[in-house]
C-alpha atoms as a PDB file:
ATOM      1  CA  MET A   1      39.924 -19.667 -19.543  1.00  0.00           C
ATOM      2  CA  LEU A   2      40.033 -18.151 -23.021  1.00  0.00           C
ATOM      3  CA  ARG A   3      37.040 -18.682 -25.301  1.00  0.00           C
ATOM      4  CA  LEU A   4      36.799 -17.434 -28.845  1.00  0.00           C
ATOM      5  CA  LEU A   5      33.255 -17.075 -30.172  1.00  0.00           C
ATOM      6  CA  LEU A   6      32.932 -16.472 -33.893  1.00  0.00           C
ATOM      7  CA  THR A   7      29.824 -15.496 -35.806  1.00  0.00           C
ATOM      8  CA  ARG A   8      28.899 -14.441 -39.288  1.00  0.00           C
ATOM      9  CA  HIS A   9      26.783 -11.312 -39.667  1.00  0.00           C
ATOM     10  CA  GLY A  10      23.006 -11.441 -40.087  1.00  0.00           C
ATOM     11  CA  GLU A  11      21.445 -11.685 -43.535  1.00  0.00           C
ATOM     12  CA  SER A  12      22.500  -8.711 -45.657  1.00  0.00           C
ATOM     13  CA  ALA A  13      20.918  -6.924 -48.600  1.00  0.00           C
ATOM     14  CA  TRP A  14      23.905  -8.072 -50.678  1.00  0.00           C
ATOM     15  CA  GLN A  15      23.000 -11.723 -49.984  1.00  0.00           C
ATOM     16  CA  VAL A  16      19.437 -11.109 -51.163  1.00  0.00           C
ATOM     17  CA  LEU A  17      19.903  -8.586 -53.997  1.00  0.00           C
ATOM     18  CA  GLY A  18      23.474  -9.315 -55.088  1.00  0.00           C
ATOM     19  CA  ASP A  19      25.676  -6.630 -56.562  1.00  0.00           C
ATOM     20  CA  LYS A  20      22.692  -4.289 -56.903  1.00  0.00           C
ATOM     21  CA  ALA A  21      22.817  -3.795 -53.110  1.00  0.00           C
ATOM     22  CA  GLY A  22      26.594  -3.315 -53.047  1.00  0.00           C
ATOM     23  CA  PHE A  23      29.218  -5.391 -51.260  1.00  0.00           C
ATOM     24  CA  ASP A  24      29.088  -3.173 -48.149  1.00  0.00           C
ATOM     25  CA  SER A  25      25.341  -3.415 -47.595  1.00  0.00           C
ATOM     26  CA  GLU A  26      23.214  -3.186 -44.486  1.00  0.00           C
ATOM     27  CA  LEU A  27      21.242  -5.971 -42.834  1.00  0.00           C
ATOM     28  CA  THR A  28      17.829  -7.004 -44.058  1.00  0.00           C
ATOM     29  CA  GLU A  29      14.923  -7.072 -41.611  1.00  0.00           C
ATOM     30  CA  LEU A  30      15.574 -10.806 -41.155  1.00  0.00           C
ATOM     31  CA  GLY A  31      19.269 -10.073 -40.544  1.00  0.00           C
ATOM     32  CA  GLN A  32      18.354  -7.586 -37.821  1.00  0.00           C
ATOM     33  CA  ARG A  33      16.102 -10.169 -36.167  1.00  0.00           C
ATOM     34  CA  GLN A  34      18.873 -12.797 -36.389  1.00  0.00           C
ATOM     35  CA  ALA A  35      21.291 -10.420 -34.643  1.00  0.00           C
ATOM     36  CA  ASP A  36      18.709  -9.572 -32.001  1.00  0.00           C
ATOM     37  CA  HIS A  37      18.062 -13.267 -31.307  1.00  0.00           C
ATOM     38  CA  LEU A  38      21.793 -13.931 -31.047  1.00  0.00           C
ATOM     39  CA  GLY A  39      22.199 -11.069 -28.556  1.00  0.00           C
ATOM     40  CA  ARG A  40      19.302 -12.306 -26.412  1.00  0.00           C
ATOM     41  CA  TRP A  41      20.625 -15.879 -26.458  1.00  0.00           C
ATOM     42  CA  LEU A  42      24.159 -14.820 -25.520  1.00  0.00           C
ATOM     43  CA  LYS A  43      22.843 -12.700 -22.652  1.00  0.00           C
ATOM     44  CA  ARG A  44      21.046 -15.756 -21.225  1.00  0.00           C
ATOM     45  CA  ASN A  45      23.761 -18.345 -21.880  1.00  0.00           C
ATOM     46  CA  ILE A  46      27.313 -16.975 -22.142  1.00  0.00           C
ATOM     47  CA  VAL A  47      29.195 -14.185 -20.426  1.00  0.00           C
ATOM     48  CA  VAL A  48      30.913 -12.257 -23.227  1.00  0.00           C
ATOM     49  CA  ASP A  49      33.732  -9.930 -22.191  1.00  0.00           C
ATOM     50  CA  TYR A  50      34.803  -8.326 -25.480  1.00  0.00           C
ATOM     51  CA  ILE A  51      33.238  -7.744 -28.900  1.00  0.00           C
ATOM     52  CA  TYR A  52      35.190  -7.139 -32.106  1.00  0.00           C
ATOM     53  CA  ALA A  53      33.673  -6.553 -35.535  1.00  0.00           C
ATOM     54  CA  SER A  54      34.494  -5.992 -39.160  1.00  0.00           C
ATOM     55  CA  PRO A  55      33.813  -2.423 -40.317  1.00  0.00           C
ATOM     56  CA  LEU A  56      31.569  -3.585 -43.169  1.00  0.00           C
ATOM     57  CA  GLN A  57      27.996  -2.512 -42.436  1.00  0.00           C
ATOM     58  CA  ARG A  58      26.470  -5.975 -42.203  1.00  0.00           C
ATOM     59  CA  ALA A  59      28.970  -7.149 -39.561  1.00  0.00           C
ATOM     60  CA  HIS A  60      29.191  -3.863 -37.657  1.00  0.00           C
ATOM     61  CA  GLU A  61      25.396  -3.571 -37.486  1.00  0.00           C
ATOM     62  CA  THR A  62      25.114  -7.181 -36.282  1.00  0.00           C
ATOM     63  CA  ALA A  63      27.720  -6.541 -33.569  1.00  0.00           C
ATOM     64  CA  GLN A  64      25.957  -3.355 -32.428  1.00  0.00           C
ATOM     65  CA  LEU A  65      22.603  -5.139 -32.141  1.00  0.00           C
ATOM     66  CA  VAL A  66      24.207  -7.972 -30.140  1.00  0.00           C
ATOM     67  CA  ALA A  67      26.087  -5.462 -27.959  1.00  0.00           C
ATOM     68  CA  THR A  68      22.861  -3.703 -26.922  1.00  0.00           C
ATOM     69  CA  HIS A  69      21.865  -6.892 -25.092  1.00  0.00           C
ATOM     70  CA  LEU A  70      25.288  -7.403 -23.535  1.00  0.00           C
ATOM     71  CA  GLY A  71      26.020  -3.821 -22.507  1.00  0.00           C
ATOM     72  CA  LEU A  72      29.454  -3.925 -24.145  1.00  0.00           C
ATOM     73  CA  PRO A  73      31.242  -1.643 -26.589  1.00  0.00           C
ATOM     74  CA  VAL A  74      32.143  -2.907 -30.045  1.00  0.00           C
ATOM     75  CA  GLU A  75      35.694  -2.473 -31.280  1.00  0.00           C
ATOM     76  CA  VAL A  76      35.792  -2.236 -35.056  1.00  0.00           C
ATOM     77  CA  ARG A  77      38.851  -3.675 -36.805  1.00  0.00           C
ATOM     78  CA  GLU A  78      39.747  -3.195 -40.460  1.00  0.00           C
ATOM     79  CA  ASP A  79      41.630  -6.483 -40.449  1.00  0.00           C
ATOM     80  CA  LEU A  80      38.421  -8.459 -39.840  1.00  0.00           C
ATOM     81  CA  LYS A  81      36.938  -7.457 -43.212  1.00  0.00           C
ATOM     82  CA  GLU A  82      35.734 -10.106 -45.612  1.00  0.00           C
ATOM     83  CA  ALA A  83      38.064 -11.298 -48.347  1.00  0.00           C
ATOM     84  CA  TRP A  84      37.993  -9.257 -51.560  1.00  0.00           C
ATOM     85  CA  PHE A  85      38.081 -12.442 -53.672  1.00  0.00           C
ATOM     86  CA  TRP A  86      36.360 -15.822 -53.817  1.00  0.00           C
ATOM     87  CA  ILE A  87      38.283 -18.011 -51.324  1.00  0.00           C
ATOM     88  CA  ALA A  88      37.329 -21.521 -52.455  1.00  0.00           C
ATOM     89  CA  PRO A  89      39.496 -21.607 -55.614  1.00  0.00           C
ATOM     90  CA  GLU A  90      42.491 -20.469 -53.528  1.00  0.00           C
ATOM     91  CA  LEU A  91      42.294 -23.499 -51.220  1.00  0.00           C
ATOM     92  CA  PRO A  92      43.839 -26.862 -52.023  1.00  0.00           C
ATOM     93  CA  GLY A  93      41.646 -29.551 -53.534  1.00  0.00           C
ATOM     94  CA  PHE A  94      41.935 -33.328 -53.254  1.00  0.00           C
ATOM     95  CA  LEU A  95      40.725 -36.187 -55.428  1.00  0.00           C
ATOM     96  CA  THR A  96      39.686 -38.344 -52.459  1.00  0.00           C
ATOM     97  CA  PRO A  97      39.239 -38.070 -48.700  1.00  0.00           C
ATOM     98  CA  LEU A  98      42.349 -40.253 -48.308  1.00  0.00           C
ATOM     99  CA  ALA A  99      44.392 -37.802 -50.380  1.00  0.00           C
ATOM    100  CA  ALA A 100      43.374 -35.015 -47.994  1.00  0.00           C
ATOM    101  CA  LEU A 101      45.054 -36.945 -45.175  1.00  0.00           C
ATOM    102  CA  ASP A 102      48.364 -36.434 -46.952  1.00  0.00           C
ATOM    103  CA  SER A 103      47.624 -32.708 -47.357  1.00  0.00           C
ATOM    104  CA  VAL A 104      49.160 -32.795 -50.822  1.00  0.00           C
ATOM    105  CA  PRO A 105      46.701 -31.031 -53.137  1.00  0.00           C
ATOM    106  CA  THR A 106      45.864 -32.651 -56.428  1.00  0.00           C
ATOM    107  CA  THR A 107      43.543 -29.905 -57.723  1.00  0.00           C
ATOM    108  CA  GLY A 108      43.395 -26.167 -57.375  1.00  0.00           C
ATOM    109  CA  ARG A 109      46.213 -24.018 -56.116  1.00  0.00           C
ATOM    110  CA  ARG A 110      48.031 -24.538 -52.880  1.00  0.00           C
ATOM    111  CA  ARG A 111      47.117 -21.393 -50.984  1.00  0.00           C
ATOM    112  CA  GLY A 112      47.006 -18.811 -53.730  1.00  0.00           C
ATOM    113  CA  ASP A 113      48.629 -15.424 -53.252  1.00  0.00           C
ATOM    114  CA  ASN A 114      45.332 -13.705 -52.473  1.00  0.00           C
ATOM    115  CA  TYR A 115      44.526 -16.219 -49.773  1.00  0.00           C
ATOM    116  CA  ARG A 116      48.021 -15.994 -48.271  1.00  0.00           C
ATOM    117  CA  MET A 117      47.623 -12.215 -47.974  1.00  0.00           C
ATOM    118  CA  PHE A 118      44.135 -12.571 -46.486  1.00  0.00           C
ATOM    119  CA  GLN A 119      45.314 -15.258 -44.077  1.00  0.00           C
ATOM    120  CA  SER A 120      48.185 -12.995 -42.952  1.00  0.00           C
ATOM    121  CA  GLN A 121      45.682 -10.199 -42.341  1.00  0.00           C
ATOM    122  CA  ILE A 122      43.558 -12.477 -40.140  1.00  0.00           C
ATOM    123  CA  ILE A 123      46.630 -13.796 -38.284  1.00  0.00           C
ATOM    124  CA  ARG A 124      47.656 -10.216 -37.447  1.00  0.00           C
ATOM    125  CA  ALA A 125      44.144  -9.508 -36.148  1.00  0.00           C
ATOM    126  CA  LEU A 126      44.179 -12.653 -33.999  1.00  0.00           C
ATOM    127  CA  GLN A 127      47.671 -11.937 -32.666  1.00  0.00           C
ATOM    128  CA  ASP A 128      46.627  -8.482 -31.530  1.00  0.00           C
ATOM    129  CA  ILE A 129      43.247  -9.521 -30.080  1.00  0.00           C
ATOM    130  CA  LEU A 130      44.614 -12.578 -28.250  1.00  0.00           C
ATOM    131  CA  SER A 131      47.623 -10.681 -26.883  1.00  0.00           C
ATOM    132  CA  ARG A 132      45.257  -8.094 -25.413  1.00  0.00           C
ATOM    133  CA  HIS A 133      42.949 -10.689 -23.846  1.00  0.00           C
ATOM    134  CA  PRO A 134      44.722 -13.819 -22.550  1.00  0.00           C
ATOM    135  CA  ASP A 135      41.492 -14.948 -20.888  1.00  0.00           C
ATOM    136  CA  GLY A 136      37.779 -14.225 -21.000  1.00  0.00           C
ATOM    137  CA  THR A 137      35.273 -14.653 -23.802  1.00  0.00           C
ATOM    138  CA  ILE A 138      35.887 -12.792 -27.043  1.00  0.00           C
ATOM    139  CA  LEU A 139      33.119 -12.469 -29.637  1.00  0.00           C
ATOM    140  CA  ILE A 140      34.214 -11.736 -33.202  1.00  0.00           C
ATOM    141  CA  VAL A 141      31.449 -10.672 -35.585  1.00  0.00           C
ATOM    142  CA  ALA A 142      32.662 -10.893 -39.147  1.00  0.00           C
ATOM    143  CA  HIS A 143      31.984 -12.757 -42.398  1.00  0.00           C
ATOM    144  CA  GLY A 144      31.879 -16.329 -43.658  1.00  0.00           C
ATOM    145  CA  GLY A 145      35.337 -16.170 -45.231  1.00  0.00           C
ATOM    146  CA  THR A 146      36.826 -14.471 -42.191  1.00  0.00           C
ATOM    147  CA  VAL A 147      35.307 -16.928 -39.709  1.00  0.00           C
ATOM    148  CA  GLU A 148      36.354 -19.951 -41.796  1.00  0.00           C
ATOM    149  CA  THR A 149      39.872 -18.587 -42.094  1.00  0.00           C
ATOM    150  CA  VAL A 150      40.141 -18.060 -38.324  1.00  0.00           C
ATOM    151  CA  ILE A 151      39.071 -21.664 -37.776  1.00  0.00           C
ATOM    152  CA  ARG A 152      41.497 -22.969 -40.430  1.00  0.00           C
ATOM    153  CA  ILE A 153      44.347 -20.967 -38.873  1.00  0.00           C
ATOM    154  CA  LEU A 154      43.646 -22.199 -35.339  1.00  0.00           C
ATOM    155  CA  LEU A 155      43.233 -25.812 -36.464  1.00  0.00           C
ATOM    156  CA  GLY A 156      46.276 -25.638 -38.724  1.00  0.00           C
ATOM    157  CA  SER A 157      44.711 -27.003 -41.886  1.00  0.00           C
ATOM    158  CA  ASP A 158      43.346 -25.697 -45.188  1.00  0.00           C
ATOM    159  CA  THR A 159      41.782 -29.068 -46.015  1.00  0.00           C
ATOM    160  CA  PHE A 160      38.232 -28.113 -45.007  1.00  0.00           C
ATOM    161  CA  THR A 161      35.538 -25.474 -45.244  1.00  0.00           C
ATOM    162  CA  VAL A 162      32.853 -24.680 -42.691  1.00  0.00           C
ATOM    163  CA  ASN A 163      29.177 -24.481 -43.545  1.00  0.00           C
ATOM    164  CA  MET A 164      27.555 -21.689 -41.582  1.00  0.00           C
ATOM    165  CA  GLY A 165      24.360 -19.755 -41.491  1.00  0.00           C
ATOM    166  CA  ASN A 166      23.932 -16.118 -40.659  1.00  0.00           C
ATOM    167  CA  THR A 167      24.620 -15.442 -36.939  1.00  0.00           C
ATOM    168  CA  THR A 168      25.359 -19.075 -36.132  1.00  0.00           C
ATOM    169  CA  LEU A 169      28.009 -19.497 -33.437  1.00  0.00           C
ATOM    170  CA  HIS A 170      31.349 -21.280 -33.440  1.00  0.00           C
ATOM    171  CA  SER A 171      33.223 -21.705 -30.167  1.00  0.00           C
ATOM    172  CA  LEU A 172      36.844 -22.632 -29.529  1.00  0.00           C
ATOM    173  CA  THR A 173      38.522 -22.635 -26.144  1.00  0.00           C
ATOM    174  CA  TRP A 174      42.194 -22.625 -25.216  1.00  0.00           C
ATOM    175  CA  ASN A 175      42.941 -25.345 -22.691  1.00  0.00           C
ATOM    176  CA  SER A 176      45.982 -27.484 -21.813  1.00  0.00           C
ATOM    177  CA  GLY A 177      48.140 -25.917 -24.506  1.00  0.00           C
ATOM    178  CA  ARG A 178      45.796 -26.369 -27.468  1.00  0.00           C
ATOM    179  CA  TRP A 179      42.574 -25.174 -29.053  1.00  0.00           C
ATOM    180  CA  HIS A 180      39.434 -27.214 -28.382  1.00  0.00           C
ATOM    181  CA  ILE A 181      36.367 -27.038 -30.583  1.00  0.00           C
ATOM    182  CA  GLU A 182      33.293 -26.677 -28.379  1.00  0.00           C
ATOM    183  CA  TYR A 183      30.902 -26.398 -31.299  1.00  0.00           C
ATOM    184  CA  ILE A 184      30.583 -25.320 -34.910  1.00  0.00           C
ATOM    185  CA  ASP A 185      27.493 -23.712 -36.484  1.00  0.00           C
ATOM    186  CA  ARG A 186      25.329 -23.596 -33.342  1.00  0.00           C
ATOM    187  CA  TRP A 187      21.973 -22.127 -34.252  1.00  0.00           C
ATOM    188  CA  GLU A 188      19.299 -22.848 -31.628  1.00  0.00           C
ATOM    189  CA  HIS A 189      18.866 -19.112 -31.036  1.00  0.00           C
ATOM    190  CA  LEU A 190      17.410 -18.955 -34.561  1.00  0.00           C
ATOM    191  CA  GLU A 191      14.890 -21.808 -34.240  1.00  0.00           C
ATOM    192  CA  ASP A 192      11.797 -19.595 -34.107  1.00  0.00           C
ATOM    193  CA  LEU A 193      12.803 -17.365 -37.053  1.00  0.00           C
END
């Protein structure tokens, strides 16, 4: 069986301090604890076979902290970096939920150029990772925009966004010729933080 686990990095200094901390900032103390809790929870609950991470400090540091619990190396991939632009305005918008069923946008742009380039970057990353590991459990530690884009790619639709907290888990499995969502935004490992 192939399982794809996706998680956003722990809380970063950039999330707390904004541009003053810099886009490529480290984890806060809370972010380090979130990553530690995720690693402990995964060790108790899921056998992870491979870990991939964005090279940005907040994601790489999160992956390293998780990996210490799992005894696995972390492979850093440039193509898992966060988008360099705000994604939301690049996605289609709809006047009503019924209009979204038609997938014909009535507001916003239909996949702007920046998003198309970013989506292509994420597709290339997924193609390489999935071709290397046709089974097993793959953990990808990245960013909100990256994780949402992976989910949109695998589900074949740009008509939604995914709310997610820092280090929450999203799991998709490949079974019977299609992707199955096991869960989105799982966070019980963070309950005591």
